[in-house]
Amino acid sequence: MMDMSMGMELLPQQQMKASPALIALNNMLVLSTLELQQLVQQELEENPALDQIESEDSLCSRCGRPLSGATCIYCLHEDLKLAEAERDDASVPTDDEFDPMLAIAAPISLQESLQRDLHIALPTSEHLIADYLVGSLDAQGFLDSGIEEVAAMLHVTPSQVDNVLRRLQELGPAGVGARNVQECLLLQLDRLERTHISNPYLRAIVTDYWVDLGEHRYGAIAHALGITYEEVVAARDFMRQHLRPFPLERAGDGTSSLETSFLVPDVIIREENDCLVVEVIESRRLYLRLNPLYQELSQAIAHRQQDVSVEEREHLNTFVSRARLFLTNLRQRRETIRRIAEYLVERQEGFLRHGVRHLAPLTRAEVAAAIGVHESTVSRATANKYVQVPSREIVPFSHFFTASLSIKDVINELIANETTPLTDQEIVETLHQHGFDVARRTVAKYRGQLGILPSTLR
């Protein structure tokens, strides 16, 4: 019998493997703002070659050394090659060209922003109360705990807690820190009135006739306030147009984790001189850099200007390379998000200017092909990230791709033009007449995402 094993040979095969740098960049791309913030903090703790500064104003943006007036003496002696490398944002720097003070802003969450602002506005003795209150906010921005409960927990007086809560409500987004929907609406009215946007009767209606409003007893409210029925309806319409029942927008998938409940935009698209401009948001509080001492030692060793042990050389090379890779990946992450956002502005200008009725069909694959990256890169770069559009609404990146927004828009229009409050089932039936086959619970979910109250409260 023939020995079949004689015909079997091992043939060399080529396999494509992702480099560690590419893997690290892909992992960073998919992170939400809060997750990236946590990664930055972890890297700062673990890597001594990565440094942070509180402000970039008094340090040279190239080398990180203190400025002499407005001039960096050290950078005056840099050669032309290094200066050109400094200006080339698109290139990946070599060891000699690497910018040790590449100013990369670390992301900041709304929770951290609130804590920071409260620490500035309040005496040190009240910082613990502030931190506890911020930590007690639920997924929609409501305060889970009562004043008496917090006071007993922290062994302080209720008046102290109330004072800190008022500051939190002033500094946070309108409605944050409210104990219920009624208080949330009143806090939003406070903000609107400061900008001279108001309705003469809505505050009294929300304050004194909240139950009547929810049960649509507009005639009783009109009689009690001595106004017409139409004026009560106008107040209700004003509330629907300018106020929302939740202090913070909720995530589209119904999750309530901190990173989705505190919707700090990753990108702002705003209108300037009739043009749409993209800005990738960064923290103005914290900038990252390669530690200058590690940079100097690394260069000295590379040029054999200093003798060190094998262990010291390995320590320097390991952590300096790691810090460089981390900073480069942060910059590439920001650049990728910016390029995607700019292409979305180009393709979805109608949506950005006129609303979701003008949303053009668009896939992530089309975006990837247009900017020259893989489709998975676009998916990672837009996952768990949000955009503030010119109308100042904060929406997830997925809104630029999802087809369900047209259904949301119809729901929004139906409710905006209703003469009597439509129930979710009535909306389902109306949508069916428009060619949309959706379930009642889907309508309820979309209505909640739009921040619209149920029919019993409208």
Protein backbone atom coordinates (compact mmCIF):
# COMPACT_ATOMS: atom_id res chain seq x y z
CA MET A 1 0.00 0.00 0.00
CA MET A 2 1.31 3.43 -0.86
CA ASP A 3 2.54 5.54 2.03
CA MET A 4 0.42 8.65 1.73
CA SER A 5 2.55 10.51 4.25
CA MET A 6 5.38 10.71 1.72
CA GLY A 7 3.38 13.19 -0.33
CA MET A 8 2.66 15.55 2.54
CA GLU A 9 4.94 18.53 2.84
CA LEU A 10 4.96 21.61 5.03
CA LEU A 11 4.53 24.62 2.81
CA PRO A 12 5.46 28.11 4.00
CA GLN A 13 2.49 30.38 4.39
CA GLN A 14 2.33 34.13 4.77
CA GLN A 15 0.07 35.52 7.42
CA MET A 16 -0.78 39.16 8.02
CA LYS A 17 -0.57 40.12 11.64
CA ALA A 18 -1.47 43.46 13.13
CA SER A 19 1.40 45.29 14.77
CA PRO A 20 1.21 46.08 18.50
CA ALA A 21 0.96 49.77 17.61
CA LEU A 22 -2.04 49.17 15.34
CA ILE A 23 -3.72 47.00 17.95
CA ALA A 24 -3.20 49.71 20.58
CA LEU A 25 -4.64 52.37 18.25
CA ASN A 26 -7.69 50.23 17.42
CA ASN A 27 -8.32 49.58 21.10
CA MET A 28 -8.09 53.31 21.81
CA LEU A 29 -10.40 54.25 18.93
CA VAL A 30 -13.33 52.27 20.27
CA LEU A 31 -13.19 53.76 23.77
CA SER A 32 -15.86 56.17 24.93
CA THR A 33 -14.83 59.50 26.40
CA LEU A 34 -15.03 58.22 29.96
CA GLU A 35 -13.15 55.00 29.13
CA LEU A 36 -10.41 56.99 27.41
CA GLN A 37 -10.15 59.25 30.44
CA GLN A 38 -9.69 56.19 32.65
CA LEU A 39 -7.06 54.80 30.28
CA VAL A 40 -5.15 58.08 30.36
CA GLN A 41 -5.21 58.11 34.16
CA GLN A 42 -4.02 54.50 34.28
CA GLU A 43 -1.16 55.25 31.86
CA LEU A 44 -0.09 58.28 33.89
CA GLU A 45 0.08 56.10 37.00
CA GLU A 46 1.97 53.25 35.33
CA ASN A 47 4.40 55.08 33.02
CA PRO A 48 6.90 57.48 34.62
CA ALA A 49 7.95 58.71 31.17
CA LEU A 50 4.47 60.17 30.59
CA ASP A 51 3.86 63.50 32.26
CA GLN A 52 1.03 65.96 32.68
CA ILE A 53 0.74 69.71 33.06
CA GLU A 54 -2.22 71.68 34.34
CA SER A 55 -1.92 74.46 31.79
CA GLU A 56 -0.04 74.94 28.55
CA ASP A 57 0.11 78.73 28.87
CA SER A 58 3.42 79.01 30.76
CA LEU A 59 5.26 76.17 29.01
CA CYS A 60 6.68 75.89 25.54
CA SER A 61 4.33 73.95 23.30
CA ARG A 62 7.34 72.23 21.66
CA CYS A 63 9.73 71.18 24.38
CA GLY A 64 7.82 71.71 27.62
CA ARG A 65 10.40 73.94 29.22
CA PRO A 66 9.37 77.18 30.98
CA LEU A 67 9.01 80.18 28.72
CA SER A 68 11.11 83.31 29.15
CA GLY A 69 8.35 85.83 28.56
CA ALA A 70 6.84 84.65 25.30
CA THR A 71 10.06 82.96 24.11
CA CYS A 72 11.53 79.52 24.68
CA ILE A 73 15.32 79.91 24.77
CA TYR A 74 15.92 76.20 24.22
CA CYS A 75 13.84 76.04 21.05
CA LEU A 76 15.75 78.96 19.51
CA HIS A 77 18.74 76.62 19.18
CA GLU A 78 16.81 73.76 17.54
CA ASP A 79 17.92 73.01 13.99
CA LEU A 80 15.73 73.41 10.93
CA LYS A 81 15.07 69.71 10.57
CA LEU A 82 13.50 69.44 13.99
CA ALA A 83 11.48 72.62 13.42
CA GLU A 84 10.04 71.17 10.21
CA ALA A 85 9.22 67.91 11.95
CA GLU A 86 7.42 69.89 14.65
CA ARG A 87 5.14 71.46 12.08
CA ASP A 88 4.35 68.22 10.28
CA ASP A 89 1.34 66.89 12.19
CA ALA A 90 0.75 64.06 9.74
CA SER A 91 4.17 62.43 10.06
CA VAL A 92 5.11 59.81 12.63
CA PRO A 93 8.16 61.21 14.45
CA THR A 94 11.42 59.33 14.71
CA ASP A 95 13.49 59.20 17.88
CA ASP A 96 15.40 62.36 16.95
CA GLU A 97 12.37 64.19 15.60
CA PHE A 98 9.84 63.24 18.27
CA ASP A 99 8.12 66.15 19.91
CA PRO A 100 8.38 65.63 23.69
CA MET A 101 5.72 68.27 24.36
CA LEU A 102 3.09 67.14 21.93
CA ALA A 103 0.18 68.83 23.68
CA ILE A 104 -2.63 66.29 23.81
CA ALA A 105 -5.62 67.10 25.95
CA ALA A 106 -7.00 64.31 28.09
CA PRO A 107 -10.78 63.85 27.92
CA ILE A 108 -12.94 65.08 30.77
CA SER A 109 -16.35 63.77 31.78
CA LEU A 110 -19.27 65.90 32.90
CA GLN A 111 -19.00 64.35 36.35
CA GLU A 112 -15.39 65.48 36.64
CA SER A 113 -16.27 68.88 35.22
CA LEU A 114 -19.00 69.32 37.85
CA GLN A 115 -16.65 68.28 40.65
CA ARG A 116 -13.96 70.65 39.43
CA ASP A 117 -16.34 73.62 39.13
CA LEU A 118 -17.88 72.91 42.54
CA HIS A 119 -14.46 72.67 44.17
CA ILE A 120 -13.65 76.11 42.74
CA ALA A 121 -16.97 77.64 43.78
CA LEU A 122 -17.18 76.16 47.29
CA PRO A 123 -14.96 76.22 50.38
CA THR A 124 -12.86 73.13 51.05
CA SER A 125 -15.12 72.11 53.91
CA GLU A 126 -17.97 71.50 51.45
CA HIS A 127 -16.02 69.53 48.82
CA LEU A 128 -17.02 66.20 50.35
CA ILE A 129 -20.71 67.15 50.09
CA ALA A 130 -20.21 68.20 46.47
CA ASP A 131 -18.51 64.93 45.55
CA TYR A 132 -21.25 62.91 47.25
CA LEU A 133 -24.02 64.78 45.45
CA VAL A 134 -22.36 64.44 42.06
CA GLY A 135 -21.86 60.74 42.71
CA SER A 136 -25.54 60.40 43.66
CA LEU A 137 -26.85 61.61 40.28
CA ASP A 138 -28.69 58.87 38.42
CA ALA A 139 -28.59 58.07 34.71
CA GLN A 140 -30.89 60.97 33.78
CA GLY A 141 -29.22 63.52 36.06
CA PHE A 142 -31.76 63.35 38.88
CA LEU A 143 -30.55 63.32 42.48
CA ASP A 144 -31.25 59.90 43.98
CA SER A 145 -30.87 61.00 47.61
CA GLY A 146 -32.82 63.48 49.72
CA ILE A 147 -31.18 66.39 51.56
CA GLU A 148 -31.91 64.95 55.00
CA GLU A 149 -30.50 61.58 53.98
CA VAL A 150 -27.27 63.11 52.64
CA ALA A 151 -26.88 65.29 55.73
CA ALA A 152 -27.22 62.28 58.03
CA MET A 153 -24.79 60.26 55.93
CA LEU A 154 -22.09 62.95 55.92
CA HIS A 155 -22.76 64.28 59.45
CA VAL A 156 -23.46 67.82 58.23
CA THR A 157 -26.47 70.09 58.46
CA PRO A 158 -29.28 69.99 55.89
CA SER A 159 -28.68 73.67 55.15
CA GLN A 160 -25.11 72.89 54.10
CA VAL A 161 -26.30 70.15 51.75
CA ASP A 162 -28.99 72.45 50.35
CA ASN A 163 -26.41 75.18 49.69
CA VAL A 164 -24.12 72.79 47.81
CA LEU A 165 -27.06 71.35 45.85
CA ARG A 166 -28.10 74.81 44.72
CA ARG A 167 -24.57 75.46 43.46
CA LEU A 168 -24.61 72.11 41.65
CA GLN A 169 -27.90 73.03 39.98
CA GLU A 170 -26.47 76.40 38.93
CA LEU A 171 -23.22 75.03 37.50
CA GLY A 172 -24.50 71.84 35.84
CA PRO A 173 -26.69 71.42 32.76
CA ALA A 174 -30.19 72.82 33.27
CA GLY A 175 -32.19 70.49 35.49
CA VAL A 176 -29.28 68.44 36.86
CA GLY A 177 -29.68 67.75 40.56
CA ALA A 178 -33.48 67.92 40.49
CA ARG A 179 -35.37 65.47 42.70
CA ASN A 180 -38.29 65.01 40.28
CA VAL A 181 -39.62 66.10 36.89
CA GLN A 182 -41.44 69.11 38.33
CA GLU A 183 -38.28 70.53 39.89
CA CYS A 184 -36.34 69.69 36.72
CA LEU A 185 -38.71 71.82 34.62
CA LEU A 186 -38.55 74.71 37.08
CA LEU A 187 -34.74 74.68 37.01
CA GLN A 188 -34.83 74.77 33.22
CA LEU A 189 -37.25 77.70 33.38
CA ASP A 190 -34.74 79.55 35.56
CA ARG A 191 -32.09 79.18 32.86
CA LEU A 192 -34.45 80.22 30.07
CA GLU A 193 -35.60 83.31 31.91
CA ARG A 194 -32.01 84.48 32.28
CA THR A 195 -31.83 84.52 28.47
CA HIS A 196 -35.15 86.40 28.29
CA ILE A 197 -37.03 83.37 26.92
CA SER A 198 -40.14 82.81 28.98
CA ASN A 199 -43.86 82.27 29.15
CA PRO A 200 -45.79 84.46 31.62
CA TYR A 201 -47.87 81.62 33.05
CA LEU A 202 -45.81 78.43 32.80
CA ARG A 203 -43.95 78.80 36.11
CA ALA A 204 -47.19 79.23 38.05
CA ILE A 205 -48.77 76.30 36.19
CA VAL A 206 -45.84 73.94 36.88
CA THR A 207 -45.53 75.10 40.50
CA ASP A 208 -49.16 75.18 41.61
CA TYR A 209 -51.14 73.15 39.07
CA TRP A 210 -48.76 70.31 38.22
CA VAL A 211 -51.37 67.58 38.71
CA ASP A 212 -53.99 69.50 36.73
CA LEU A 213 -51.47 69.96 33.91
CA GLY A 214 -50.71 66.24 33.80
CA GLU A 215 -54.42 65.42 33.68
CA HIS A 216 -55.14 68.04 30.98
CA ARG A 217 -57.52 70.08 33.10
CA TYR A 218 -56.65 73.21 31.18
CA GLY A 219 -60.00 74.83 31.85
CA ALA A 220 -59.55 74.51 35.61
CA ILE A 221 -56.05 76.01 35.35
CA ALA A 222 -57.34 78.88 33.23
CA HIS A 223 -60.12 79.61 35.71
CA ALA A 224 -57.75 79.49 38.71
CA LEU A 225 -55.21 81.83 37.08
CA GLY A 226 -57.77 84.12 35.48
CA ILE A 227 -56.47 83.52 31.96
CA THR A 228 -57.92 82.00 28.81
CA TYR A 229 -57.90 78.35 27.83
CA GLU A 230 -55.75 79.21 24.80
CA GLU A 231 -53.13 80.83 27.05
CA VAL A 232 -52.85 77.64 29.06
CA VAL A 233 -52.42 75.63 25.85
CA ALA A 234 -49.77 78.11 24.69
CA ALA A 235 -47.91 77.60 27.99
CA ARG A 236 -48.08 73.84 27.46
CA ASP A 237 -46.75 74.22 23.91
CA PHE A 238 -43.92 76.42 25.22
CA MET A 239 -43.02 73.71 27.71
CA ARG A 240 -42.96 71.04 25.01
CA GLN A 241 -40.78 73.18 22.77
CA HIS A 242 -38.21 74.46 25.27
CA LEU A 243 -38.12 72.01 28.19
CA ARG A 244 -37.38 68.33 28.58
CA PRO A 245 -38.47 65.94 31.33
CA PHE A 246 -34.94 64.64 31.94
CA PRO A 247 -31.96 66.80 32.94
CA LEU A 248 -29.65 64.75 30.69
CA GLU A 249 -30.32 63.00 27.42
CA ARG A 250 -30.46 59.23 27.61
CA ALA A 251 -28.53 56.76 25.53
CA GLY A 252 -30.24 55.36 22.47
CA ASP A 253 -29.82 51.77 23.59
CA GLY A 254 -31.47 52.31 26.95
CA THR A 255 -28.30 51.86 28.96
CA SER A 256 -27.70 54.03 31.98
CA SER A 257 -23.95 53.87 32.49
CA LEU A 258 -22.10 57.01 33.39
CA GLU A 259 -20.45 57.48 30.04
CA THR A 260 -23.79 57.44 28.20
CA SER A 261 -25.84 59.41 30.68
CA PHE A 262 -23.43 62.33 30.84
CA LEU A 263 -23.48 63.33 27.20
CA VAL A 264 -20.44 65.49 26.75
CA PRO A 265 -19.94 65.78 22.97
CA ASP A 266 -16.75 64.39 21.47
CA VAL A 267 -17.24 66.63 18.42
CA ILE A 268 -18.94 70.00 18.00
CA ILE A 269 -20.23 71.04 14.59
CA ARG A 270 -21.06 74.71 14.57
CA GLU A 271 -21.85 77.33 11.98
CA GLU A 272 -19.34 80.12 11.35
CA ASN A 273 -19.83 82.65 8.55
CA ASP A 274 -22.40 80.36 6.92
CA CYS A 275 -19.91 77.47 6.95
CA LEU A 276 -20.06 74.32 9.12
CA VAL A 277 -16.92 73.91 11.22
CA VAL A 278 -15.77 70.75 13.03
CA GLU A 279 -14.09 70.86 16.43
CA VAL A 280 -12.87 67.75 18.24
CA ILE A 281 -13.40 68.46 21.92
CA GLU A 282 -10.47 68.30 24.29
CA SER A 283 -9.99 69.07 27.94
CA ARG A 284 -8.49 72.46 28.70
CA ARG A 285 -7.47 71.18 32.10
CA LEU A 286 -4.88 68.53 31.38
CA TYR A 287 -2.20 68.18 28.73
CA LEU A 288 0.04 65.17 28.28
CA ARG A 289 3.70 65.13 27.34
CA LEU A 290 6.81 63.00 27.30
CA ASN A 291 8.66 63.70 30.54
CA PRO A 292 11.55 66.10 29.66
CA LEU A 293 14.02 64.29 31.94
CA TYR A 294 13.30 60.94 30.31
CA GLN A 295 13.57 62.58 26.90
CA GLU A 296 16.99 64.08 27.65
CA LEU A 297 18.34 60.85 29.16
CA SER A 298 17.08 58.84 26.22
CA GLN A 299 18.76 61.13 23.72
CA ALA A 300 21.98 61.19 25.75
CA ILE A 301 22.12 57.40 25.78
CA ALA A 302 21.31 57.20 22.06
CA HIS A 303 24.25 59.53 21.28
CA ARG A 304 26.51 57.73 23.77
CA GLN A 305 26.85 60.88 25.84
CA GLN A 306 26.09 59.04 29.06
CA ASP A 307 26.93 55.56 30.31
CA VAL A 308 24.20 53.67 32.12
CA SER A 309 23.64 50.10 33.17
CA VAL A 310 21.78 47.60 31.01
CA GLU A 311 18.82 47.72 33.40
CA GLU A 312 18.65 51.53 33.27
CA ARG A 313 18.89 51.52 29.47
CA GLU A 314 16.10 48.97 29.23
CA HIS A 315 13.93 50.95 31.67
CA LEU A 316 14.36 54.17 29.69
CA ASN A 317 13.81 52.57 26.29
CA THR A 318 10.72 50.69 27.43
CA PHE A 319 8.88 53.56 29.05
CA VAL A 320 9.94 56.28 26.59
CA SER A 321 8.82 54.13 23.64
CA ARG A 322 5.56 53.35 25.43
CA ALA A 323 4.90 57.04 26.14
CA ARG A 324 5.66 58.00 22.54
CA LEU A 325 3.32 55.35 21.22
CA PHE A 326 0.58 56.41 23.62
CA LEU A 327 0.82 60.09 22.63
CA THR A 328 0.97 59.24 18.93
CA ASN A 329 -2.10 57.03 19.21
CA LEU A 330 -4.00 59.77 21.04
CA ARG A 331 -3.17 62.20 18.26
CA GLN A 332 -4.12 59.70 15.54
CA ARG A 333 -7.37 58.95 17.36
CA ARG A 334 -8.26 62.63 17.39
CA GLU A 335 -7.25 63.02 13.73
CA THR A 336 -9.35 60.03 12.65
CA ILE A 337 -12.43 61.35 14.45
CA ARG A 338 -11.88 64.78 12.89
CA ARG A 339 -11.61 63.39 9.34
CA ILE A 340 -14.77 61.32 9.79
CA ALA A 341 -16.67 64.31 11.18
CA GLU A 342 -15.57 66.57 8.34
CA TYR A 343 -16.74 64.03 5.76
CA LEU A 344 -20.08 63.70 7.55
CA VAL A 345 -20.46 67.48 7.37
CA GLU A 346 -19.80 67.30 3.64
CA ARG A 347 -22.33 64.51 3.03
CA GLN A 348 -24.96 65.39 5.62
CA GLU A 349 -25.08 69.19 5.42
CA GLY A 350 -28.82 69.08 4.75
CA PHE A 351 -29.39 67.04 7.89
CA LEU A 352 -27.21 69.37 9.96
CA ARG A 353 -28.94 72.51 8.73
CA HIS A 354 -32.54 71.39 8.28
CA GLY A 355 -33.12 68.24 10.34
CA VAL A 356 -33.49 64.52 9.85
CA ARG A 357 -35.92 64.81 6.92
CA HIS A 358 -32.80 65.69 4.89
CA LEU A 359 -30.67 62.81 6.13
CA ALA A 360 -28.91 61.29 3.11
CA PRO A 361 -28.36 57.52 2.83
CA LEU A 362 -24.84 56.84 4.08
CA THR A 363 -22.93 53.80 5.28
CA ARG A 364 -19.77 53.46 7.30
CA ALA A 365 -18.18 51.68 4.35
CA GLU A 366 -18.71 54.79 2.19
CA VAL A 367 -17.07 56.98 4.81
CA ALA A 368 -14.15 54.55 5.12
CA ALA A 369 -13.59 54.55 1.36
CA ALA A 370 -13.76 58.34 1.18
CA ILE A 371 -11.15 58.98 3.88
CA GLY A 372 -8.95 55.99 3.06
CA VAL A 373 -9.34 53.78 6.12
CA HIS A 374 -10.87 50.39 6.84
CA GLU A 375 -14.58 50.21 7.60
CA SER A 376 -13.81 48.77 11.03
CA THR A 377 -11.80 51.90 11.79
CA VAL A 378 -14.86 54.07 11.13
CA SER A 379 -16.98 51.78 13.29
CA ARG A 380 -14.50 51.96 16.16
CA ALA A 381 -13.98 55.70 15.87
CA THR A 382 -17.72 56.48 16.00
CA ALA A 383 -18.78 53.93 18.65
CA ASN A 384 -19.96 55.40 21.98
CA LYS A 385 -19.25 58.95 20.79
CA TYR A 386 -21.48 61.98 20.42
CA VAL A 387 -21.75 65.04 18.21
CA GLN A 388 -23.23 68.43 19.04
CA VAL A 389 -24.95 69.64 15.87
CA PRO A 390 -25.57 73.32 15.00
CA SER A 391 -29.00 73.19 16.67
CA ARG A 392 -27.06 72.45 19.91
CA GLU A 393 -28.66 69.01 20.17
CA ILE A 394 -26.25 66.24 21.16
CA VAL A 395 -26.66 63.10 19.06
CA PRO A 396 -24.66 59.88 18.73
CA PHE A 397 -22.53 59.39 15.61
CA SER A 398 -24.88 56.57 14.67
CA HIS A 399 -27.57 59.17 13.88
CA PHE A 400 -25.67 59.97 10.69
CA PHE A 401 -26.10 56.38 9.52
CA THR A 402 -29.31 54.99 11.04
CA ALA A 403 -32.52 54.88 9.03
CA SER A 404 -34.76 54.89 12.11
CA LEU A 405 -34.36 58.64 12.52
CA SER A 406 -37.04 59.23 9.89
CA ILE A 407 -39.48 57.39 12.17
CA LYS A 408 -38.39 59.53 15.11
CA ASP A 409 -38.93 62.65 13.04
CA VAL A 410 -42.46 61.58 12.12
CA ILE A 411 -43.21 60.85 15.78
CA ASN A 412 -41.85 64.26 16.77
CA GLU A 413 -43.94 66.00 14.11
CA LEU A 414 -47.09 64.10 15.03
CA ILE A 415 -46.80 65.08 18.68
CA ALA A 416 -45.80 68.66 17.88
CA ASN A 417 -48.93 69.10 15.75
CA GLU A 418 -51.40 67.11 17.85
CA THR A 419 -54.63 68.83 18.87
CA THR A 420 -55.24 66.30 21.63
CA PRO A 421 -52.48 64.14 23.16
CA LEU A 422 -51.91 61.03 21.08
CA THR A 423 -51.34 57.75 22.87
CA ASP A 424 -48.48 55.51 21.75
CA GLN A 425 -50.99 53.14 20.15
CA GLU A 426 -52.58 55.98 18.19
CA ILE A 427 -49.11 56.99 17.00
CA VAL A 428 -48.49 53.39 15.88
CA GLU A 429 -51.67 53.46 13.82
CA THR A 430 -50.79 56.83 12.28
CA LEU A 431 -47.27 55.63 11.45
CA HIS A 432 -48.77 52.60 9.75
CA GLN A 433 -50.72 54.95 7.49
CA HIS A 434 -47.39 56.61 6.60
CA GLY A 435 -45.85 53.26 5.70
CA PHE A 436 -43.92 52.64 8.93
CA ASP A 437 -44.56 49.27 10.56
CA VAL A 438 -43.37 49.65 14.17
CA ALA A 439 -44.43 48.23 17.52
CA ARG A 440 -45.94 50.29 20.32
CA ARG A 441 -42.93 49.71 22.58
CA THR A 442 -40.68 50.99 19.78
CA VAL A 443 -42.72 54.19 19.65
CA ALA A 444 -42.43 54.50 23.43
CA LYS A 445 -38.66 54.04 23.20
CA TYR A 446 -38.25 56.66 20.47
CA ARG A 447 -40.55 59.08 22.30
CA GLY A 448 -38.39 58.69 25.41
CA GLN A 449 -35.24 59.32 23.39
CA LEU A 450 -36.82 62.51 22.05
CA GLY A 451 -37.52 63.60 25.63
CA ILE A 452 -41.31 63.71 25.10
CA LEU A 453 -43.63 62.94 27.96
CA PRO A 454 -46.34 60.26 27.65
CA SER A 455 -49.80 61.39 26.58
CA THR A 456 -51.06 61.44 30.19
CA LEU A 457 -48.52 64.16 31.02
CA ARG A 458 -48.66 66.21 27.84
